[in-house]
Each structure stands twice: as C-alpha cells, then as structure tokens.
Amino acid sequence: MSGRVCMITGSGQGIGRAIALHFASRGMRIALAERNEAAAADVAAQIVAQGGQALVAPTDVTDAASVSATVERVASAFGGCDVLINNARWSGLAPTPVQDISDADWRTAMEVNVTGAFHCIRAVTPLMIAAGWGRIINMSSATVRQPPSRPYVHYITSKAALIGMTRALAKELGAHGVTVNALLPGAVETGVERPNGLKLADREARARANQAIPRVLAASDMAGAAWFLASDESAFITGQSLAVDGGFSFG
C-alpha cells in the first residue's frame, strides 16, 4: 500500500484525522479533503513532520464543483486516487422528534451525509476504473442497526442510505477491481462537542452498560478497520457493513 493515494473527507479532526495519520504512517499519500482548511493544514503538518506526503484540499462535499476540483488537484499532484474514505458528516444534528425536524435540517443531513458521498464517488470512480483497482469506504453508523434512545431519524436515515449505496456500488464496480464497503462506528470520542449534550462520563457509563467491550470507542480504533478494508488483505470483501462499536450491535 506504500505510495498509494487516499482521499479522506472530513479529515481535519476525529475519525478522519486518525485514519489520515495511520495511513500516512504506513506510506500512503494523503489528500485531506476538508472544509476547515486550518484543521487540515494541522494534520498535513503532522504527516509531513513524520516524513509523509499530504495535500490540503479545501472541499465542500455538498458542492459538486468543489469536489470535482479537489479530485482534479489530487490526480494532478499524486497521479490518481486509489482509496476514497467518505467520512464527512454534519456534526450539528441535535436529537429532534420527527414532528419537529425542519426541512432545512433534513436537507442538510441528506446533502452532507448522502449527496456528499455520492459527489466524491462519482468524481473518483473514473480514476479507479482506469487503474483497475480502487477502494471506497463509506462511514455509516452503528445506530442504523440499533437506534439510540434519543430521536435521530434524520441522521439515522442518512446513514442507512449509505449502506444501500455501498451495496449497489459494490455490484456495479466489482468487475473493475473496485471494492465498496461501509464502516459503522459506535459512539466515538472525537474531541468534538456533541449537540446532544452527553458528556464523556455519560458515554463511559453507557459503554459499560451496553457494550461487550466496556469502554468508549476512540477515533484511533477506526483506523485499523479502515486500513483492512483499504488494503489487499480485504480484496475479496465488498458490499459489506462492518460495525466497530465494541459489541454494541450484532449481525
């Protein structure tokens, strides 16, 4: 995998940052597709300081033109795009009863979490098909399998859509050497303030009560699972949804 190119959306913090640093440490060249340019620049500086290669690409995944420009930059700088990780999500969603969800919040959930992933996949797929090799990883959520106690139908619906997208694309792209899988993280500690108001101590208590592994999921826990799905070790795995949630959900 050394020398391959990985584009990660939402890579300035949390899971995306952890994956970027992990992949870079193993010799991959990283394209940081991130709306927060300063955050991406900080991650890039860490990668470069460790001897790696990173490209900061300010990107709004809801804007098809922005995504296309980013992919063109990545292809120009690195010669292609081997791995795409659709990690960007709207982090401002608060728990809301369905009757109180605004049209604006519903649209934003879909535009960022679903349409954003589609924009990125559509833009990188020609590069992967031309190369005869590619890995696409969509970041869904374990809440799709076991919804939380608080009302999040807008968020869960958007994350469930990614699983349908994953399965459809796995069938479509398999003959071209491209695999498509989804990761389903549980409640992860990213250092980002949560709109639901739950503190770390609350999440730790919930982990002890509901998970087989009684600790809070860390962003770094996602990096190994992502690496497996991005590597040749998972070459015969596609269309799958892998939960990384400490045994919160099964099946």
C-alpha atoms as a PDB file:
ATOM      1  CA  MET A   1       0.000   0.000   0.000  1.00  0.00           C
ATOM      2  CA  SER A   2       3.021   2.285   0.264  1.00  0.00           C
ATOM      3  CA  GLY A   3       2.762   5.044  -2.319  1.00  0.00           C
ATOM      4  CA  ARG A   4      -0.950   4.605  -2.915  1.00  0.00           C
ATOM      5  CA  VAL A   5      -3.178   7.667  -2.670  1.00  0.00           C
ATOM      6  CA  CYS A   6      -6.019   8.048  -0.191  1.00  0.00           C
ATOM      7  CA  MET A   7      -8.539  10.895  -0.218  1.00  0.00           C
ATOM      8  CA  ILE A   8     -10.358  11.362   3.082  1.00  0.00           C
ATOM      9  CA  THR A   9     -13.253  13.767   3.529  1.00  0.00           C
ATOM     10  CA  GLY A  10     -13.768  15.375   6.911  1.00  0.00           C
ATOM     11  CA  SER A  11     -10.140  14.638   7.719  1.00  0.00           C
ATOM     12  CA  GLY A  12      -9.306  17.619   9.931  1.00  0.00           C
ATOM     13  CA  GLN A  13     -10.474  16.029  13.164  1.00  0.00           C
ATOM     14  CA  GLY A  14     -11.904  12.920  14.790  1.00  0.00           C
ATOM     15  CA  ILE A  15     -12.086   9.691  12.813  1.00  0.00           C
ATOM     16  CA  GLY A  16     -10.842  11.244   9.579  1.00  0.00           C
ATOM     17  CA  ARG A  17      -7.774  12.670  11.268  1.00  0.00           C
ATOM     18  CA  ALA A  18      -6.971   9.367  12.968  1.00  0.00           C
ATOM     19  CA  ILE A  19      -7.247   7.474   9.680  1.00  0.00           C
ATOM     20  CA  ALA A  20      -5.128  10.025   7.842  1.00  0.00           C
ATOM     21  CA  LEU A  21      -2.306   9.787  10.363  1.00  0.00           C
ATOM     22  CA  HIS A  22      -2.464   5.990  10.454  1.00  0.00           C
ATOM     23  CA  PHE A  23      -2.460   5.586   6.680  1.00  0.00           C
ATOM     24  CA  ALA A  24       0.348   8.122   6.268  1.00  0.00           C
ATOM     25  CA  SER A  25       2.455   6.268   8.828  1.00  0.00           C
ATOM     26  CA  ARG A  26       2.220   3.231   6.540  1.00  0.00           C
ATOM     27  CA  GLY A  27       3.449   5.079   3.488  1.00  0.00           C
ATOM     28  CA  MET A  28       0.244   6.219   1.819  1.00  0.00           C
ATOM     29  CA  ARG A  29      -0.038   9.672   0.302  1.00  0.00           C
ATOM     30  CA  ILE A  30      -2.962  11.526   1.847  1.00  0.00           C
ATOM     31  CA  ALA A  31      -5.362  14.038   0.324  1.00  0.00           C
ATOM     32  CA  LEU A  32      -7.128  15.912   3.113  1.00  0.00           C
ATOM     33  CA  ALA A  33     -10.493  16.951   1.667  1.00  0.00           C
ATOM     34  CA  GLU A  34     -11.768  19.167   4.450  1.00  0.00           C
ATOM     35  CA  ARG A  35     -13.913  22.290   4.703  1.00  0.00           C
ATOM     36  CA  ASN A  36     -11.854  23.545   7.657  1.00  0.00           C
ATOM     37  CA  GLU A  37      -8.582  24.369   5.912  1.00  0.00           C
ATOM     38  CA  ALA A  38      -6.740  25.223   9.137  1.00  0.00           C
ATOM     39  CA  ALA A  39      -7.614  21.859  10.685  1.00  0.00           C
ATOM     40  CA  ALA A  40      -6.494  20.030   7.556  1.00  0.00           C
ATOM     41  CA  ALA A  41      -3.262  22.010   7.476  1.00  0.00           C
ATOM     42  CA  ASP A  42      -2.530  20.926  11.041  1.00  0.00           C
ATOM     43  CA  VAL A  43      -2.971  17.259  10.114  1.00  0.00           C
ATOM     44  CA  ALA A  44      -0.842  17.733   6.992  1.00  0.00           C
ATOM     45  CA  ALA A  45       1.933  19.305   9.071  1.00  0.00           C
ATOM     46  CA  GLN A  46       1.973  16.270  11.356  1.00  0.00           C
ATOM     47  CA  ILE A  47       2.151  13.922   8.378  1.00  0.00           C
ATOM     48  CA  VAL A  48       4.979  15.850   6.742  1.00  0.00           C
ATOM     49  CA  ALA A  49       6.879  16.079  10.045  1.00  0.00           C
ATOM     50  CA  GLN A  50       6.808  12.267  10.165  1.00  0.00           C
ATOM     51  CA  GLY A  51       8.179  12.005   6.622  1.00  0.00           C
ATOM     52  CA  GLY A  52       4.900  11.516   4.810  1.00  0.00           C
ATOM     53  CA  GLN A  53       3.143  13.283   1.948  1.00  0.00           C
ATOM     54  CA  ALA A  54      -0.110  15.189   2.329  1.00  0.00           C
ATOM     55  CA  LEU A  55      -2.193  17.550   0.224  1.00  0.00           C
ATOM     56  CA  VAL A  56      -4.594  20.042   1.805  1.00  0.00           C
ATOM     57  CA  ALA A  57      -7.670  20.391  -0.386  1.00  0.00           C
ATOM     58  CA  PRO A  58     -10.404  22.715   0.929  1.00  0.00           C
ATOM     59  CA  THR A  59     -13.619  20.946  -0.036  1.00  0.00           C
ATOM     60  CA  ASP A  60     -17.353  21.332   0.420  1.00  0.00           C
ATOM     61  CA  VAL A  61     -18.755  17.870  -0.318  1.00  0.00           C
ATOM     62  CA  THR A  62     -22.237  19.288  -0.902  1.00  0.00           C
ATOM     63  CA  ASP A  63     -20.872  21.265  -3.871  1.00  0.00           C
ATOM     64  CA  ALA A  64     -20.204  19.037  -6.878  1.00  0.00           C
ATOM     65  CA  ALA A  65     -17.879  21.603  -8.445  1.00  0.00           C
ATOM     66  CA  SER A  66     -15.814  21.808  -5.256  1.00  0.00           C
ATOM     67  CA  VAL A  67     -15.466  18.021  -5.160  1.00  0.00           C
ATOM     68  CA  SER A  68     -14.517  17.826  -8.837  1.00  0.00           C
ATOM     69  CA  ALA A  69     -11.856  20.482  -8.340  1.00  0.00           C
ATOM     70  CA  THR A  70     -10.441  18.577  -5.384  1.00  0.00           C
ATOM     71  CA  VAL A  71     -10.238  15.300  -7.284  1.00  0.00           C
ATOM     72  CA  GLU A  72      -8.529  17.082 -10.193  1.00  0.00           C
ATOM     73  CA  ARG A  73      -5.975  18.500  -7.725  1.00  0.00           C
ATOM     74  CA  VAL A  74      -5.388  15.083  -6.203  1.00  0.00           C
ATOM     75  CA  ALA A  75      -4.924  13.452  -9.612  1.00  0.00           C
ATOM     76  CA  SER A  76      -2.563  16.209 -10.713  1.00  0.00           C
ATOM     77  CA  ALA A  77      -0.472  16.099  -7.537  1.00  0.00           C
ATOM     78  CA  PHE A  78      -0.387  12.349  -6.956  1.00  0.00           C
ATOM     79  CA  GLY A  79      -1.296  10.775 -10.298  1.00  0.00           C
ATOM     80  CA  GLY A  80      -4.609   9.267  -9.253  1.00  0.00           C
ATOM     81  CA  CYS A  81      -6.782   8.277  -6.307  1.00  0.00           C
ATOM     82  CA  ASP A  82      -6.670   4.695  -5.057  1.00  0.00           C
ATOM     83  CA  VAL A  83      -8.727   4.914  -1.865  1.00  0.00           C
ATOM     84  CA  LEU A  84     -11.691   7.132  -1.020  1.00  0.00           C
ATOM     85  CA  ILE A  85     -13.000   7.383   2.523  1.00  0.00           C
ATOM     86  CA  ASN A  86     -16.310   9.219   2.756  1.00  0.00           C
ATOM     87  CA  ASN A  87     -16.042  10.413   6.339  1.00  0.00           C
ATOM     88  CA  ALA A  88     -17.512  13.932   6.177  1.00  0.00           C
ATOM     89  CA  ARG A  89     -20.735  14.336   8.113  1.00  0.00           C
ATOM     90  CA  TRP A  90     -22.820  17.099   9.541  1.00  0.00           C
ATOM     91  CA  SER A  91     -21.920  17.210  13.246  1.00  0.00           C
ATOM     92  CA  GLY A  92     -24.518  19.828  14.195  1.00  0.00           C
ATOM     93  CA  LEU A  93     -27.512  17.493  14.287  1.00  0.00           C
ATOM     94  CA  ALA A  94     -29.315  17.591  17.617  1.00  0.00           C
ATOM     95  CA  PRO A  95     -31.799  14.926  18.790  1.00  0.00           C
ATOM     96  CA  THR A  96     -35.192  16.069  17.498  1.00  0.00           C
ATOM     97  CA  PRO A  97     -38.627  14.406  17.438  1.00  0.00           C
ATOM     98  CA  VAL A  98     -39.684  13.722  13.863  1.00  0.00           C
ATOM     99  CA  GLN A  99     -42.555  16.218  14.024  1.00  0.00           C
ATOM    100  CA  ASP A 100     -40.092  18.983  14.927  1.00  0.00           C
ATOM    101  CA  ILE A 101     -37.408  18.325  12.304  1.00  0.00           C
ATOM    102  CA  SER A 102     -37.182  21.289   9.972  1.00  0.00           C
ATOM    103  CA  ASP A 103     -36.921  20.959   6.208  1.00  0.00           C
ATOM    104  CA  ALA A 104     -33.561  22.694   6.418  1.00  0.00           C
ATOM    105  CA  ASP A 105     -32.122  20.173   8.906  1.00  0.00           C
ATOM    106  CA  TRP A 106     -33.465  17.240   6.903  1.00  0.00           C
ATOM    107  CA  ARG A 107     -31.948  18.581   3.686  1.00  0.00           C
ATOM    108  CA  THR A 108     -28.600  19.269   5.347  1.00  0.00           C
ATOM    109  CA  ALA A 109     -28.397  15.749   6.768  1.00  0.00           C
ATOM    110  CA  MET A 110     -29.015  14.282   3.322  1.00  0.00           C
ATOM    111  CA  GLU A 111     -26.836  16.747   1.412  1.00  0.00           C
ATOM    112  CA  VAL A 112     -23.786  16.221   3.618  1.00  0.00           C
ATOM    113  CA  ASN A 113     -24.074  12.567   4.588  1.00  0.00           C
ATOM    114  CA  VAL A 114     -25.528  11.107   1.373  1.00  0.00           C
ATOM    115  CA  THR A 115     -25.165  13.503  -1.555  1.00  0.00           C
ATOM    116  CA  GLY A 116     -21.686  14.492  -0.407  1.00  0.00           C
ATOM    117  CA  ALA A 117     -20.577  10.862  -0.547  1.00  0.00           C
ATOM    118  CA  PHE A 118     -22.176  10.488  -3.987  1.00  0.00           C
ATOM    119  CA  HIS A 119     -20.324  13.548  -5.308  1.00  0.00           C
ATOM    120  CA  CYS A 120     -16.994  12.116  -4.167  1.00  0.00           C
ATOM    121  CA  ILE A 121     -17.665   8.621  -5.503  1.00  0.00           C
ATOM    122  CA  ARG A 122     -18.797   9.937  -8.869  1.00  0.00           C
ATOM    123  CA  ALA A 123     -15.651  12.043  -9.179  1.00  0.00           C
ATOM    124  CA  VAL A 124     -13.082   9.368  -8.226  1.00  0.00           C
ATOM    125  CA  THR A 125     -14.657   6.345  -9.912  1.00  0.00           C
ATOM    126  CA  PRO A 126     -13.232   7.090 -13.408  1.00  0.00           C
ATOM    127  CA  LEU A 127      -9.720   7.182 -11.925  1.00  0.00           C
ATOM    128  CA  MET A 128     -10.216   3.856 -10.154  1.00  0.00           C
ATOM    129  CA  ILE A 129     -11.735   2.180 -13.203  1.00  0.00           C
ATOM    130  CA  ALA A 130      -8.827   3.390 -15.353  1.00  0.00           C
ATOM    131  CA  ALA A 131      -6.372   1.977 -12.817  1.00  0.00           C
ATOM    132  CA  GLY A 132      -8.270  -1.303 -12.462  1.00  0.00           C
ATOM    133  CA  TRP A 133      -8.050  -1.011  -8.664  1.00  0.00           C
ATOM    134  CA  GLY A 134      -9.815   1.009  -6.001  1.00  0.00           C
ATOM    135  CA  ARG A 135     -11.237   1.024  -2.509  1.00  0.00           C
ATOM    136  CA  ILE A 136     -14.264   3.048  -1.421  1.00  0.00           C
ATOM    137  CA  ILE A 137     -15.183   3.145   2.268  1.00  0.00           C
ATOM    138  CA  ASN A 138     -18.385   4.849   3.397  1.00  0.00           C
ATOM    139  CA  MET A 139     -18.665   5.886   7.039  1.00  0.00           C
ATOM    140  CA  SER A 140     -22.149   4.875   8.172  1.00  0.00           C
ATOM    141  CA  SER A 141     -23.160   4.387  11.829  1.00  0.00           C
ATOM    142  CA  ALA A 142     -23.939   1.572  14.261  1.00  0.00           C
ATOM    143  CA  THR A 143     -27.174   3.420  15.063  1.00  0.00           C
ATOM    144  CA  VAL A 144     -28.543   2.023  11.797  1.00  0.00           C
ATOM    145  CA  ARG A 145     -28.594  -1.418  13.436  1.00  0.00           C
ATOM    146  CA  GLN A 146     -29.617  -0.386  16.917  1.00  0.00           C
ATOM    147  CA  PRO A 147     -31.110   3.119  17.042  1.00  0.00           C
ATOM    148  CA  PRO A 148     -30.304   5.234  20.103  1.00  0.00           C
ATOM    149  CA  SER A 149     -32.799   6.109  22.794  1.00  0.00           C
ATOM    150  CA  ARG A 150     -32.943   9.718  21.559  1.00  0.00           C
ATOM    151  CA  PRO A 151     -34.762  10.701  18.341  1.00  0.00           C
ATOM    152  CA  TYR A 152     -32.342  10.964  15.405  1.00  0.00           C
ATOM    153  CA  VAL A 153     -34.406   9.868  12.424  1.00  0.00           C
ATOM    154  CA  HIS A 154     -32.765  12.427  10.095  1.00  0.00           C
ATOM    155  CA  TYR A 155     -29.246  11.254  10.968  1.00  0.00           C
ATOM    156  CA  ILE A 156     -30.060   7.527  11.008  1.00  0.00           C
ATOM    157  CA  THR A 157     -31.920   7.711   7.695  1.00  0.00           C
ATOM    158  CA  SER A 158     -28.946   9.387   6.032  1.00  0.00           C
ATOM    159  CA  LYS A 159     -26.540   6.790   7.417  1.00  0.00           C
ATOM    160  CA  ALA A 160     -28.809   3.922   6.351  1.00  0.00           C
ATOM    161  CA  ALA A 161     -28.805   5.343   2.827  1.00  0.00           C
ATOM    162  CA  LEU A 162     -25.030   4.947   2.736  1.00  0.00           C
ATOM    163  CA  ILE A 163     -25.413   1.209   3.299  1.00  0.00           C
ATOM    164  CA  GLY A 164     -27.757   0.930   0.314  1.00  0.00           C
ATOM    165  CA  MET A 165     -25.319   2.981  -1.735  1.00  0.00           C
ATOM    166  CA  THR A 166     -22.464   0.704  -0.648  1.00  0.00           C
ATOM    167  CA  ARG A 167     -24.266  -2.455  -1.748  1.00  0.00           C
ATOM    168  CA  ALA A 168     -25.373  -1.063  -5.102  1.00  0.00           C
ATOM    169  CA  LEU A 169     -21.908   0.241  -5.960  1.00  0.00           C
ATOM    170  CA  ALA A 170     -20.185  -2.964  -4.855  1.00  0.00           C
ATOM    171  CA  LYS A 171     -22.168  -4.827  -7.501  1.00  0.00           C
ATOM    172  CA  GLU A 172     -21.601  -2.153 -10.140  1.00  0.00           C
ATOM    173  CA  LEU A 173     -17.853  -1.667  -9.630  1.00  0.00           C
ATOM    174  CA  GLY A 174     -16.610  -5.139  -8.685  1.00  0.00           C
ATOM    175  CA  ALA A 175     -15.709  -6.106 -12.238  1.00  0.00           C
ATOM    176  CA  HIS A 176     -13.413  -3.057 -12.388  1.00  0.00           C
ATOM    177  CA  GLY A 177     -11.326  -4.124  -9.389  1.00  0.00           C
ATOM    178  CA  VAL A 178     -13.034  -1.650  -7.061  1.00  0.00           C
ATOM    179  CA  THR A 179     -14.443  -2.751  -3.706  1.00  0.00           C
ATOM    180  CA  VAL A 180     -17.009  -0.740  -1.770  1.00  0.00           C
ATOM    181  CA  ASN A 181     -17.648  -1.283   1.935  1.00  0.00           C
ATOM    182  CA  ALA A 182     -19.092   0.583   4.890  1.00  0.00           C
ATOM    183  CA  LEU A 183     -17.815   1.087   8.414  1.00  0.00           C
ATOM    184  CA  LEU A 184     -20.342   1.537  11.217  1.00  0.00           C
ATOM    185  CA  PRO A 185     -18.715   3.255  14.195  1.00  0.00           C
ATOM    186  CA  GLY A 186     -20.413   3.314  17.556  1.00  0.00           C
ATOM    187  CA  ALA A 187     -20.437   6.305  19.879  1.00  0.00           C
ATOM    188  CA  VAL A 188     -16.920   7.578  19.326  1.00  0.00           C
ATOM    189  CA  GLU A 189     -14.889  10.047  21.367  1.00  0.00           C
ATOM    190  CA  THR A 190     -13.586  12.531  18.803  1.00  0.00           C
ATOM    191  CA  GLY A 191     -12.988  15.589  20.959  1.00  0.00           C
ATOM    192  CA  VAL A 192     -15.785  17.385  19.086  1.00  0.00           C
ATOM    193  CA  GLU A 193     -18.543  18.917  21.195  1.00  0.00           C
ATOM    194  CA  ARG A 194     -21.794  16.979  20.851  1.00  0.00           C
ATOM    195  CA  PRO A 195     -25.149  18.671  20.240  1.00  0.00           C
ATOM    196  CA  ASN A 196     -26.908  16.015  22.334  1.00  0.00           C
ATOM    197  CA  GLY A 197     -25.246  17.319  25.490  1.00  0.00           C
ATOM    198  CA  LEU A 198     -23.852  13.942  26.590  1.00  0.00           C
ATOM    199  CA  LYS A 199     -20.575  14.277  28.480  1.00  0.00           C
ATOM    200  CA  LEU A 200     -17.711  11.795  28.332  1.00  0.00           C
ATOM    201  CA  ALA A 201     -18.711  10.367  31.721  1.00  0.00           C
ATOM    202  CA  ASP A 202     -22.212   9.695  30.382  1.00  0.00           C
ATOM    203  CA  ARG A 203     -20.809   7.911  27.333  1.00  0.00           C
ATOM    204  CA  GLU A 204     -18.482   5.854  29.513  1.00  0.00           C
ATOM    205  CA  ALA A 205     -21.446   4.734  31.631  1.00  0.00           C
ATOM    206  CA  ARG A 206     -23.417   3.797  28.522  1.00  0.00           C
ATOM    207  CA  ALA A 207     -20.446   1.839  27.168  1.00  0.00           C
ATOM    208  CA  ARG A 208     -20.167  -0.165  30.367  1.00  0.00           C
ATOM    209  CA  ALA A 209     -23.897  -0.885  30.320  1.00  0.00           C
ATOM    210  CA  ASN A 210     -24.433  -1.669  26.637  1.00  0.00           C
ATOM    211  CA  GLN A 211     -21.202  -2.861  25.010  1.00  0.00           C
ATOM    212  CA  ALA A 212     -19.313  -6.147  25.154  1.00  0.00           C
ATOM    213  CA  ILE A 213     -16.094  -4.117  25.385  1.00  0.00           C
ATOM    214  CA  PRO A 214     -16.856  -1.668  28.214  1.00  0.00           C
ATOM    215  CA  ARG A 215     -15.040   1.471  27.117  1.00  0.00           C
ATOM    216  CA  VAL A 216     -15.704   4.424  24.852  1.00  0.00           C
ATOM    217  CA  LEU A 217     -14.694   3.979  21.233  1.00  0.00           C
ATOM    218  CA  ALA A 218     -11.686   6.138  20.301  1.00  0.00           C
ATOM    219  CA  ALA A 219     -11.149   7.615  16.852  1.00  0.00           C
ATOM    220  CA  SER A 220      -7.924   5.604  16.592  1.00  0.00           C
ATOM    221  CA  ASP A 221      -9.961   2.387  16.921  1.00  0.00           C
ATOM    222  CA  MET A 222     -11.422   3.093  13.487  1.00  0.00           C
ATOM    223  CA  ALA A 223      -8.042   3.327  11.764  1.00  0.00           C
ATOM    224  CA  GLY A 224      -7.241  -0.393  11.823  1.00  0.00           C
ATOM    225  CA  ALA A 225     -10.635  -1.371  10.427  1.00  0.00           C
ATOM    226  CA  ALA A 226     -10.318   1.247   7.696  1.00  0.00           C
ATOM    227  CA  TRP A 227      -6.819   0.053   6.845  1.00  0.00           C
ATOM    228  CA  PHE A 228      -8.035  -3.538   6.478  1.00  0.00           C
ATOM    229  CA  LEU A 229     -10.802  -2.520   4.075  1.00  0.00           C
ATOM    230  CA  ALA A 230      -8.399  -0.301   2.119  1.00  0.00           C
ATOM    231  CA  SER A 231      -5.734  -2.975   1.725  1.00  0.00           C
ATOM    232  CA  ASP A 232      -5.271  -6.031  -0.464  1.00  0.00           C
ATOM    233  CA  GLU A 233      -5.979  -8.155   2.607  1.00  0.00           C
ATOM    234  CA  SER A 234      -9.689  -7.453   2.025  1.00  0.00           C
ATOM    235  CA  ALA A 235      -9.567  -7.908  -1.756  1.00  0.00           C
ATOM    236  CA  PHE A 236     -12.466 -10.415  -1.782  1.00  0.00           C
ATOM    237  CA  ILE A 237     -14.701  -8.415   0.559  1.00  0.00           C
ATOM    238  CA  THR A 238     -17.191  -5.960  -0.917  1.00  0.00           C
ATOM    239  CA  GLY A 239     -20.699  -4.699  -0.243  1.00  0.00           C
ATOM    240  CA  GLN A 240     -20.268  -5.314   3.478  1.00  0.00           C
ATOM    241  CA  SER A 241     -21.074  -3.245   6.561  1.00  0.00           C
ATOM    242  CA  LEU A 242     -18.587  -3.682   9.408  1.00  0.00           C
ATOM    243  CA  ALA A 243     -19.617  -2.404  12.833  1.00  0.00           C
ATOM    244  CA  VAL A 244     -16.786  -1.096  15.011  1.00  0.00           C
ATOM    245  CA  ASP A 245     -18.719  -0.498  18.203  1.00  0.00           C
ATOM    246  CA  GLY A 246     -17.321  -2.710  20.944  1.00  0.00           C
ATOM    247  CA  GLY A 247     -20.169  -5.189  20.618  1.00  0.00           C
ATOM    248  CA  PHE A 248     -22.969  -2.644  20.917  1.00  0.00           C
ATOM    249  CA  SER A 249     -24.738  -4.246  17.959  1.00  0.00           C
ATOM    250  CA  PHE A 250     -24.563  -7.705  16.418  1.00  0.00           C
ATOM    251  CA  GLY A 251     -25.410  -9.053  12.978  1.00  0.00           C
END
